[in-house]
Amino acid sequence: MSEFRLAFPACVVAGKHRLTAEDIVLLRKHSFPEGIRTSDDVVAMLALNNSCPEKCADWNAFFVEQLAGFIVHYTYPQGSLDEINVAWIMRMFTTDGFVNSALELELILHIMEISADVPVELRALALDQLRLAITDNIGGYKLSRAIDRRGITRQDIDYAMRIFRSVAEGGVIPVSSVEYGVLQQIEQATLRGANHPHWAGIMAAVELRDYAEPRRSRWLRIVDEEPVAEAAVA
């Protein structure tokens, strides 16, 4: 059993039903005065997020910005991601391939936006959340999708381009075979006549490329600390 214990005021906040803006001020001042910088900080953030059923908008922004910044800038390789980081992200924030909540999906998307390099596995995971929303009606993206329908909507277009924006250039969207496979599954699950017109433009811009990358072997390291353990909520 983990010996991790939340310190004051995080221990008090964790016992509340709803995280308020005032709670965020307390946490910023006393629990995380320098932001999220250590593995214990990460565990505390995850415990708080899991223990309080209701959260204010300030918490959502704080959770996303702080954890994304830590994962990208304070774990190796600093400023970027590799397959080890991606495996950790998947283990922490997904269940059987789907992202657990809309907030955790927003975290993953923000991680992708601020990272200098994003492994194709993470882009494929994010893209697959659109497929899961359409075909299985599950996942973090389904929870934030405004319209529950099998056709591609304008919101879906914006979501897909948020995933591809960092790699799209000159009217071309280079994708790996894994990403291409997800796109094909989405294409097969929808009717062309029901899709937003811009979806055809995305598919026309897709260019399959070989993304063979060397596999590295290491543990997820947080500066000079041990790997982050999963947060256990009492």
C-alpha atoms as a PDB file:
ATOM      1  CA  MET A   1       0.000   0.000   0.000  1.00  0.00           C
ATOM      2  CA  SER A   2       1.289   3.472  -0.856  1.00  0.00           C
ATOM      3  CA  GLU A   3       2.457   5.608   2.073  1.00  0.00           C
ATOM      4  CA  PHE A   4       1.727   8.810   0.180  1.00  0.00           C
ATOM      5  CA  ARG A   5      -0.340  11.301   2.175  1.00  0.00           C
ATOM      6  CA  LEU A   6      -1.680  14.665   1.075  1.00  0.00           C
ATOM      7  CA  ALA A   7      -0.337  17.595   3.072  1.00  0.00           C
ATOM      8  CA  PHE A   8      -2.394  20.590   4.228  1.00  0.00           C
ATOM      9  CA  PRO A   9      -4.335  22.222   2.595  1.00  0.00           C
ATOM     10  CA  ALA A  10      -4.551  19.567  -0.150  1.00  0.00           C
ATOM     11  CA  CYS A  11      -5.787  16.972   2.359  1.00  0.00           C
ATOM     12  CA  VAL A  12      -8.700  19.236   3.317  1.00  0.00           C
ATOM     13  CA  VAL A  13      -9.532  20.140  -0.282  1.00  0.00           C
ATOM     14  CA  ALA A  14      -9.538  16.454  -1.236  1.00  0.00           C
ATOM     15  CA  GLY A  15     -12.354  15.822   1.225  1.00  0.00           C
ATOM     16  CA  LYS A  16     -14.683  18.322  -0.436  1.00  0.00           C
ATOM     17  CA  HIS A  17     -17.416  17.500  -2.932  1.00  0.00           C
ATOM     18  CA  ARG A  18     -16.571  20.454  -5.187  1.00  0.00           C
ATOM     19  CA  LEU A  19     -13.321  22.225  -5.979  1.00  0.00           C
ATOM     20  CA  THR A  20     -13.870  25.995  -5.973  1.00  0.00           C
ATOM     21  CA  ALA A  21     -11.835  28.952  -7.203  1.00  0.00           C
ATOM     22  CA  GLU A  22     -10.907  29.667  -3.564  1.00  0.00           C
ATOM     23  CA  ASP A  23      -9.511  26.146  -3.249  1.00  0.00           C
ATOM     24  CA  ILE A  24      -7.318  26.721  -6.292  1.00  0.00           C
ATOM     25  CA  VAL A  25      -5.903  29.891  -4.723  1.00  0.00           C
ATOM     26  CA  LEU A  26      -5.035  27.932  -1.567  1.00  0.00           C
ATOM     27  CA  LEU A  27      -3.404  25.133  -3.542  1.00  0.00           C
ATOM     28  CA  ARG A  28      -1.358  27.544  -5.646  1.00  0.00           C
ATOM     29  CA  LYS A  29      -0.149  29.405  -2.558  1.00  0.00           C
ATOM     30  CA  HIS A  30       0.533  26.552  -0.151  1.00  0.00           C
ATOM     31  CA  SER A  31       0.641  23.174  -1.931  1.00  0.00           C
ATOM     32  CA  PHE A  32       2.191  24.143  -5.273  1.00  0.00           C
ATOM     33  CA  PRO A  33       3.874  27.543  -4.786  1.00  0.00           C
ATOM     34  CA  GLU A  34       6.276  26.858  -7.674  1.00  0.00           C
ATOM     35  CA  GLY A  35       3.814  24.858  -9.740  1.00  0.00           C
ATOM     36  CA  ILE A  36       4.036  21.112 -10.364  1.00  0.00           C
ATOM     37  CA  ARG A  37       7.705  20.218 -10.030  1.00  0.00           C
ATOM     38  CA  THR A  38       8.002  16.785  -8.393  1.00  0.00           C
ATOM     39  CA  SER A  39       6.516  13.322  -8.630  1.00  0.00           C
ATOM     40  CA  ASP A  40       4.713  13.889  -5.323  1.00  0.00           C
ATOM     41  CA  ASP A  41       3.118  17.017  -6.822  1.00  0.00           C
ATOM     42  CA  VAL A  42       1.815  14.925  -9.734  1.00  0.00           C
ATOM     43  CA  VAL A  43       0.360  12.289  -7.395  1.00  0.00           C
ATOM     44  CA  ALA A  44      -1.304  15.014  -5.325  1.00  0.00           C
ATOM     45  CA  MET A  45      -2.854  16.606  -8.418  1.00  0.00           C
ATOM     46  CA  LEU A  46      -4.218  13.284  -9.652  1.00  0.00           C
ATOM     47  CA  ALA A  47      -5.569  12.439  -6.192  1.00  0.00           C
ATOM     48  CA  LEU A  48      -7.350  15.797  -5.961  1.00  0.00           C
ATOM     49  CA  ASN A  49      -8.818  15.411  -9.428  1.00  0.00           C
ATOM     50  CA  ASN A  50     -10.093  11.906  -8.658  1.00  0.00           C
ATOM     51  CA  SER A  51     -11.439  12.650  -5.185  1.00  0.00           C
ATOM     52  CA  CYS A  52     -13.634  15.677  -5.929  1.00  0.00           C
ATOM     53  CA  PRO A  53     -16.662  14.892  -8.128  1.00  0.00           C
ATOM     54  CA  GLU A  54     -17.303  18.522  -9.103  1.00  0.00           C
ATOM     55  CA  LYS A  55     -14.697  21.010 -10.294  1.00  0.00           C
ATOM     56  CA  CYS A  56     -14.839  24.669 -11.223  1.00  0.00           C
ATOM     57  CA  ALA A  57     -13.413  25.974 -14.501  1.00  0.00           C
ATOM     58  CA  ASP A  58     -10.359  27.309 -12.653  1.00  0.00           C
ATOM     59  CA  TRP A  59      -9.438  23.780 -11.578  1.00  0.00           C
ATOM     60  CA  ASN A  60      -9.727  22.455 -15.128  1.00  0.00           C
ATOM     61  CA  ALA A  61      -7.355  25.124 -16.439  1.00  0.00           C
ATOM     62  CA  PHE A  62      -4.954  24.628 -13.513  1.00  0.00           C
ATOM     63  CA  PHE A  63      -4.935  20.831 -13.924  1.00  0.00           C
ATOM     64  CA  VAL A  64      -4.288  20.956 -17.675  1.00  0.00           C
ATOM     65  CA  GLU A  65      -1.662  23.698 -17.693  1.00  0.00           C
ATOM     66  CA  GLN A  66       0.325  22.443 -14.726  1.00  0.00           C
ATOM     67  CA  LEU A  67       0.382  18.739 -15.587  1.00  0.00           C
ATOM     68  CA  ALA A  68       1.022  19.328 -19.291  1.00  0.00           C
ATOM     69  CA  GLY A  69       3.872  21.692 -18.483  1.00  0.00           C
ATOM     70  CA  PHE A  70       5.392  19.209 -16.068  1.00  0.00           C
ATOM     71  CA  ILE A  71       5.136  16.215 -18.386  1.00  0.00           C
ATOM     72  CA  VAL A  72       6.650  18.078 -21.336  1.00  0.00           C
ATOM     73  CA  HIS A  73       9.207  20.341 -19.653  1.00  0.00           C
ATOM     74  CA  TYR A  74      10.211  18.506 -16.466  1.00  0.00           C
ATOM     75  CA  THR A  75      10.409  14.902 -17.646  1.00  0.00           C
ATOM     76  CA  TYR A  76      12.887  13.449 -20.118  1.00  0.00           C
ATOM     77  CA  PRO A  77      13.253  14.252 -22.941  1.00  0.00           C
ATOM     78  CA  GLN A  78      12.626  17.792 -21.713  1.00  0.00           C
ATOM     79  CA  GLY A  79      10.609  19.900 -24.154  1.00  0.00           C
ATOM     80  CA  SER A  80       9.464  16.874 -26.109  1.00  0.00           C
ATOM     81  CA  LEU A  81       7.913  13.407 -25.815  1.00  0.00           C
ATOM     82  CA  ASP A  82       9.002   9.884 -26.600  1.00  0.00           C
ATOM     83  CA  GLU A  83       7.340   6.467 -26.520  1.00  0.00           C
ATOM     84  CA  ILE A  84       8.039   6.097 -22.786  1.00  0.00           C
ATOM     85  CA  ASN A  85       6.148   9.287 -21.963  1.00  0.00           C
ATOM     86  CA  VAL A  86       3.318   8.192 -24.245  1.00  0.00           C
ATOM     87  CA  ALA A  87       3.078   4.777 -22.559  1.00  0.00           C
ATOM     88  CA  TRP A  88       2.838   6.533 -19.172  1.00  0.00           C
ATOM     89  CA  ILE A  89       0.154   8.924 -20.451  1.00  0.00           C
ATOM     90  CA  MET A  90      -1.874   6.014 -21.811  1.00  0.00           C
ATOM     91  CA  ARG A  91      -1.551   4.074 -18.573  1.00  0.00           C
ATOM     92  CA  MET A  92      -2.612   7.025 -16.441  1.00  0.00           C
ATOM     93  CA  PHE A  93      -5.410   8.549 -18.494  1.00  0.00           C
ATOM     94  CA  THR A  94      -6.984   5.794 -20.604  1.00  0.00           C
ATOM     95  CA  THR A  95      -8.931   2.571 -20.041  1.00  0.00           C
ATOM     96  CA  ASP A  96      -9.055  -0.049 -22.796  1.00  0.00           C
ATOM     97  CA  GLY A  97      -8.066   2.531 -25.398  1.00  0.00           C
ATOM     98  CA  PHE A  98     -10.459   5.337 -24.536  1.00  0.00           C
ATOM     99  CA  VAL A  99      -9.618   8.475 -22.569  1.00  0.00           C
ATOM    100  CA  ASN A 100     -11.424   8.465 -19.249  1.00  0.00           C
ATOM    101  CA  SER A 101     -12.799  12.025 -19.185  1.00  0.00           C
ATOM    102  CA  ALA A 102     -13.119  15.207 -21.216  1.00  0.00           C
ATOM    103  CA  LEU A 103     -10.656  16.917 -18.852  1.00  0.00           C
ATOM    104  CA  GLU A 104      -8.013  14.222 -19.314  1.00  0.00           C
ATOM    105  CA  LEU A 105      -8.491  14.414 -23.079  1.00  0.00           C
ATOM    106  CA  GLU A 106      -7.937  18.167 -22.918  1.00  0.00           C
ATOM    107  CA  LEU A 107      -4.751  17.471 -20.959  1.00  0.00           C
ATOM    108  CA  ILE A 108      -3.500  15.099 -23.666  1.00  0.00           C
ATOM    109  CA  LEU A 109      -4.316  17.587 -26.430  1.00  0.00           C
ATOM    110  CA  HIS A 110      -2.484  20.380 -24.588  1.00  0.00           C
ATOM    111  CA  ILE A 111       0.519  18.110 -24.038  1.00  0.00           C
ATOM    112  CA  MET A 112       0.610  17.570 -27.808  1.00  0.00           C
ATOM    113  CA  GLU A 113       0.332  21.303 -28.489  1.00  0.00           C
ATOM    114  CA  ILE A 114       3.270  22.356 -26.326  1.00  0.00           C
ATOM    115  CA  SER A 115       5.605  19.465 -27.160  1.00  0.00           C
ATOM    116  CA  ALA A 116       8.280  19.963 -29.809  1.00  0.00           C
ATOM    117  CA  ASP A 117       7.791  16.373 -30.982  1.00  0.00           C
ATOM    118  CA  VAL A 118       4.778  14.084 -30.613  1.00  0.00           C
ATOM    119  CA  PRO A 119       5.100  10.330 -31.242  1.00  0.00           C
ATOM    120  CA  VAL A 120       2.585   9.038 -33.763  1.00  0.00           C
ATOM    121  CA  GLU A 121       1.094   6.712 -31.137  1.00  0.00           C
ATOM    122  CA  LEU A 122      -0.221   9.688 -29.170  1.00  0.00           C
ATOM    123  CA  ARG A 123      -1.732  11.377 -32.214  1.00  0.00           C
ATOM    124  CA  ALA A 124      -3.365   8.073 -33.163  1.00  0.00           C
ATOM    125  CA  LEU A 125      -4.776   7.720 -29.648  1.00  0.00           C
ATOM    126  CA  ALA A 126      -6.265  11.215 -29.765  1.00  0.00           C
ATOM    127  CA  LEU A 127      -7.700  10.622 -33.236  1.00  0.00           C
ATOM    128  CA  ASP A 128      -9.187   7.303 -32.147  1.00  0.00           C
ATOM    129  CA  GLN A 129     -11.272   9.150 -29.560  1.00  0.00           C
ATOM    130  CA  LEU A 130     -13.279  10.579 -32.472  1.00  0.00           C
ATOM    131  CA  ARG A 131     -13.836   7.083 -33.838  1.00  0.00           C
ATOM    132  CA  LEU A 132     -14.910   5.790 -30.427  1.00  0.00           C
ATOM    133  CA  ALA A 133     -17.371   8.664 -30.028  1.00  0.00           C
ATOM    134  CA  ILE A 134     -18.933   7.841 -33.398  1.00  0.00           C
ATOM    135  CA  THR A 135     -18.902   4.038 -33.356  1.00  0.00           C
ATOM    136  CA  ASP A 136     -19.148   3.153 -29.652  1.00  0.00           C
ATOM    137  CA  ASN A 137     -20.520   6.326 -28.037  1.00  0.00           C
ATOM    138  CA  ILE A 138     -17.815   6.263 -25.347  1.00  0.00           C
ATOM    139  CA  GLY A 139     -14.725   8.168 -24.287  1.00  0.00           C
ATOM    140  CA  GLY A 140     -13.622  11.628 -23.256  1.00  0.00           C
ATOM    141  CA  TYR A 141     -14.370  13.190 -26.638  1.00  0.00           C
ATOM    142  CA  LYS A 142     -17.899  11.783 -26.659  1.00  0.00           C
ATOM    143  CA  LEU A 143     -18.513  13.586 -23.351  1.00  0.00           C
ATOM    144  CA  SER A 144     -17.650  16.950 -24.909  1.00  0.00           C
ATOM    145  CA  ARG A 145     -19.150  16.341 -28.357  1.00  0.00           C
ATOM    146  CA  ALA A 146     -22.086  18.690 -28.842  1.00  0.00           C
ATOM    147  CA  ILE A 147     -24.044  16.516 -31.276  1.00  0.00           C
ATOM    148  CA  ASP A 148     -24.431  12.762 -30.915  1.00  0.00           C
ATOM    149  CA  ARG A 149     -24.456  11.542 -34.522  1.00  0.00           C
ATOM    150  CA  ARG A 150     -22.529   9.196 -36.788  1.00  0.00           C
ATOM    151  CA  GLY A 151     -21.617  11.867 -39.315  1.00  0.00           C
ATOM    152  CA  ILE A 152     -18.602  14.183 -39.034  1.00  0.00           C
ATOM    153  CA  THR A 153     -19.565  17.582 -37.588  1.00  0.00           C
ATOM    154  CA  ARG A 154     -17.828  20.950 -37.627  1.00  0.00           C
ATOM    155  CA  GLN A 155     -16.702  20.252 -34.049  1.00  0.00           C
ATOM    156  CA  ASP A 156     -15.137  16.993 -35.233  1.00  0.00           C
ATOM    157  CA  ILE A 157     -13.283  18.848 -38.005  1.00  0.00           C
ATOM    158  CA  ASP A 158     -11.860  21.319 -35.487  1.00  0.00           C
ATOM    159  CA  TYR A 159     -10.882  18.437 -33.216  1.00  0.00           C
ATOM    160  CA  ALA A 160      -9.084  16.539 -35.993  1.00  0.00           C
ATOM    161  CA  MET A 161      -7.210  19.657 -37.121  1.00  0.00           C
ATOM    162  CA  ARG A 162      -6.149  20.361 -33.556  1.00  0.00           C
ATOM    163  CA  ILE A 163      -4.447  16.969 -33.623  1.00  0.00           C
ATOM    164  CA  PHE A 164      -2.810  17.494 -37.027  1.00  0.00           C
ATOM    165  CA  ARG A 165      -2.083  21.231 -36.917  1.00  0.00           C
ATOM    166  CA  SER A 166       1.521  20.823 -35.789  1.00  0.00           C
ATOM    167  CA  VAL A 167       2.385  18.462 -38.670  1.00  0.00           C
ATOM    168  CA  ALA A 168       0.211  19.858 -41.492  1.00  0.00           C
ATOM    169  CA  GLU A 169       2.167  21.975 -43.943  1.00  0.00           C
ATOM    170  CA  GLY A 170       1.624  23.177 -47.482  1.00  0.00           C
ATOM    171  CA  GLY A 171      -1.780  21.549 -47.774  1.00  0.00           C
ATOM    172  CA  VAL A 172      -0.395  18.116 -46.817  1.00  0.00           C
ATOM    173  CA  ILE A 173      -1.105  16.153 -43.637  1.00  0.00           C
ATOM    174  CA  PRO A 174       1.613  13.505 -43.271  1.00  0.00           C
ATOM    175  CA  VAL A 175       0.426  10.495 -41.265  1.00  0.00           C
ATOM    176  CA  SER A 176       1.798   7.170 -40.130  1.00  0.00           C
ATOM    177  CA  SER A 177       0.188   3.848 -40.989  1.00  0.00           C
ATOM    178  CA  VAL A 178      -1.357   3.767 -37.504  1.00  0.00           C
ATOM    179  CA  GLU A 179      -2.983   7.184 -37.911  1.00  0.00           C
ATOM    180  CA  TYR A 180      -4.066   6.319 -41.440  1.00  0.00           C
ATOM    181  CA  GLY A 181      -5.736   3.177 -40.152  1.00  0.00           C
ATOM    182  CA  VAL A 182      -7.774   5.186 -37.645  1.00  0.00           C
ATOM    183  CA  LEU A 183      -8.807   7.658 -40.356  1.00  0.00           C
ATOM    184  CA  GLN A 184      -9.942   4.773 -42.531  1.00  0.00           C
ATOM    185  CA  GLN A 185     -12.022   3.358 -39.681  1.00  0.00           C
ATOM    186  CA  ILE A 186     -13.665   6.745 -39.179  1.00  0.00           C
ATOM    187  CA  GLU A 187     -14.315   7.002 -42.919  1.00  0.00           C
ATOM    188  CA  GLN A 188     -15.940   3.557 -42.957  1.00  0.00           C
ATOM    189  CA  ALA A 189     -18.094   4.319 -39.914  1.00  0.00           C
ATOM    190  CA  THR A 190     -19.667   7.427 -41.439  1.00  0.00           C
ATOM    191  CA  LEU A 191     -21.753   8.213 -44.507  1.00  0.00           C
ATOM    192  CA  ARG A 192     -20.124  10.645 -46.920  1.00  0.00           C
ATOM    193  CA  GLY A 193     -23.376  12.521 -47.381  1.00  0.00           C
ATOM    194  CA  ALA A 194     -23.683  13.056 -43.614  1.00  0.00           C
ATOM    195  CA  ASN A 195     -20.144  14.375 -43.131  1.00  0.00           C
ATOM    196  CA  HIS A 196     -19.106  18.009 -42.956  1.00  0.00           C
ATOM    197  CA  PRO A 197     -17.684  19.106 -46.355  1.00  0.00           C
ATOM    198  CA  HIS A 198     -14.275  19.849 -44.827  1.00  0.00           C
ATOM    199  CA  TRP A 199     -13.805  16.175 -43.916  1.00  0.00           C
ATOM    200  CA  ALA A 200     -13.255  15.328 -47.585  1.00  0.00           C
ATOM    201  CA  GLY A 201     -10.560  18.018 -47.662  1.00  0.00           C
ATOM    202  CA  ILE A 202      -8.779  16.477 -44.689  1.00  0.00           C
ATOM    203  CA  MET A 203      -8.828  13.019 -46.271  1.00  0.00           C
ATOM    204  CA  ALA A 204      -7.562  14.438 -49.580  1.00  0.00           C
ATOM    205  CA  ALA A 205      -4.676  16.150 -47.766  1.00  0.00           C
ATOM    206  CA  VAL A 206      -3.576  12.975 -45.969  1.00  0.00           C
ATOM    207  CA  GLU A 207      -0.273  11.533 -47.167  1.00  0.00           C
ATOM    208  CA  LEU A 208       0.902   8.186 -45.838  1.00  0.00           C
ATOM    209  CA  ARG A 209       4.548   8.189 -44.763  1.00  0.00           C
ATOM    210  CA  ASP A 210       6.877   5.730 -43.132  1.00  0.00           C
ATOM    211  CA  TYR A 211       7.586   6.806 -39.578  1.00  0.00           C
ATOM    212  CA  ALA A 212      10.091   4.189 -38.532  1.00  0.00           C
ATOM    213  CA  GLU A 213      11.618   5.421 -35.281  1.00  0.00           C
ATOM    214  CA  PRO A 214      14.340   3.853 -33.138  1.00  0.00           C
ATOM    215  CA  ARG A 215      12.986   2.320 -29.970  1.00  0.00           C
ATOM    216  CA  ARG A 216      14.577   3.570 -26.797  1.00  0.00           C
ATOM    217  CA  SER A 217      14.755   1.712 -23.526  1.00  0.00           C
ATOM    218  CA  ARG A 218      14.504   3.717 -20.332  1.00  0.00           C
ATOM    219  CA  TRP A 219      12.195   4.433 -17.443  1.00  0.00           C
ATOM    220  CA  LEU A 220      10.150   7.615 -17.376  1.00  0.00           C
ATOM    221  CA  ARG A 221      12.441   9.913 -15.411  1.00  0.00           C
ATOM    222  CA  ILE A 222      11.318  13.103 -13.752  1.00  0.00           C
ATOM    223  CA  VAL A 223      14.424  15.259 -13.558  1.00  0.00           C
ATOM    224  CA  ASP A 224      16.481  13.212 -11.089  1.00  0.00           C
ATOM    225  CA  GLU A 225      13.599  11.454  -9.351  1.00  0.00           C
ATOM    226  CA  GLU A 226      11.932   8.073  -9.445  1.00  0.00           C
ATOM    227  CA  PRO A 227       9.056   7.418 -11.852  1.00  0.00           C
ATOM    228  CA  VAL A 228       5.666   8.786 -10.860  1.00  0.00           C
ATOM    229  CA  ALA A 229       3.454   6.192  -9.207  1.00  0.00           C
ATOM    230  CA  GLU A 230      -0.236   6.051  -9.857  1.00  0.00           C
ATOM    231  CA  ALA A 231      -2.282   8.175  -7.494  1.00  0.00           C
ATOM    232  CA  ALA A 232      -4.244   6.118  -4.985  1.00  0.00           C
ATOM    233  CA  VAL A 233      -7.415   7.753  -3.773  1.00  0.00           C
ATOM    234  CA  ALA A 234      -8.645   6.678  -0.383  1.00  0.00           C
END
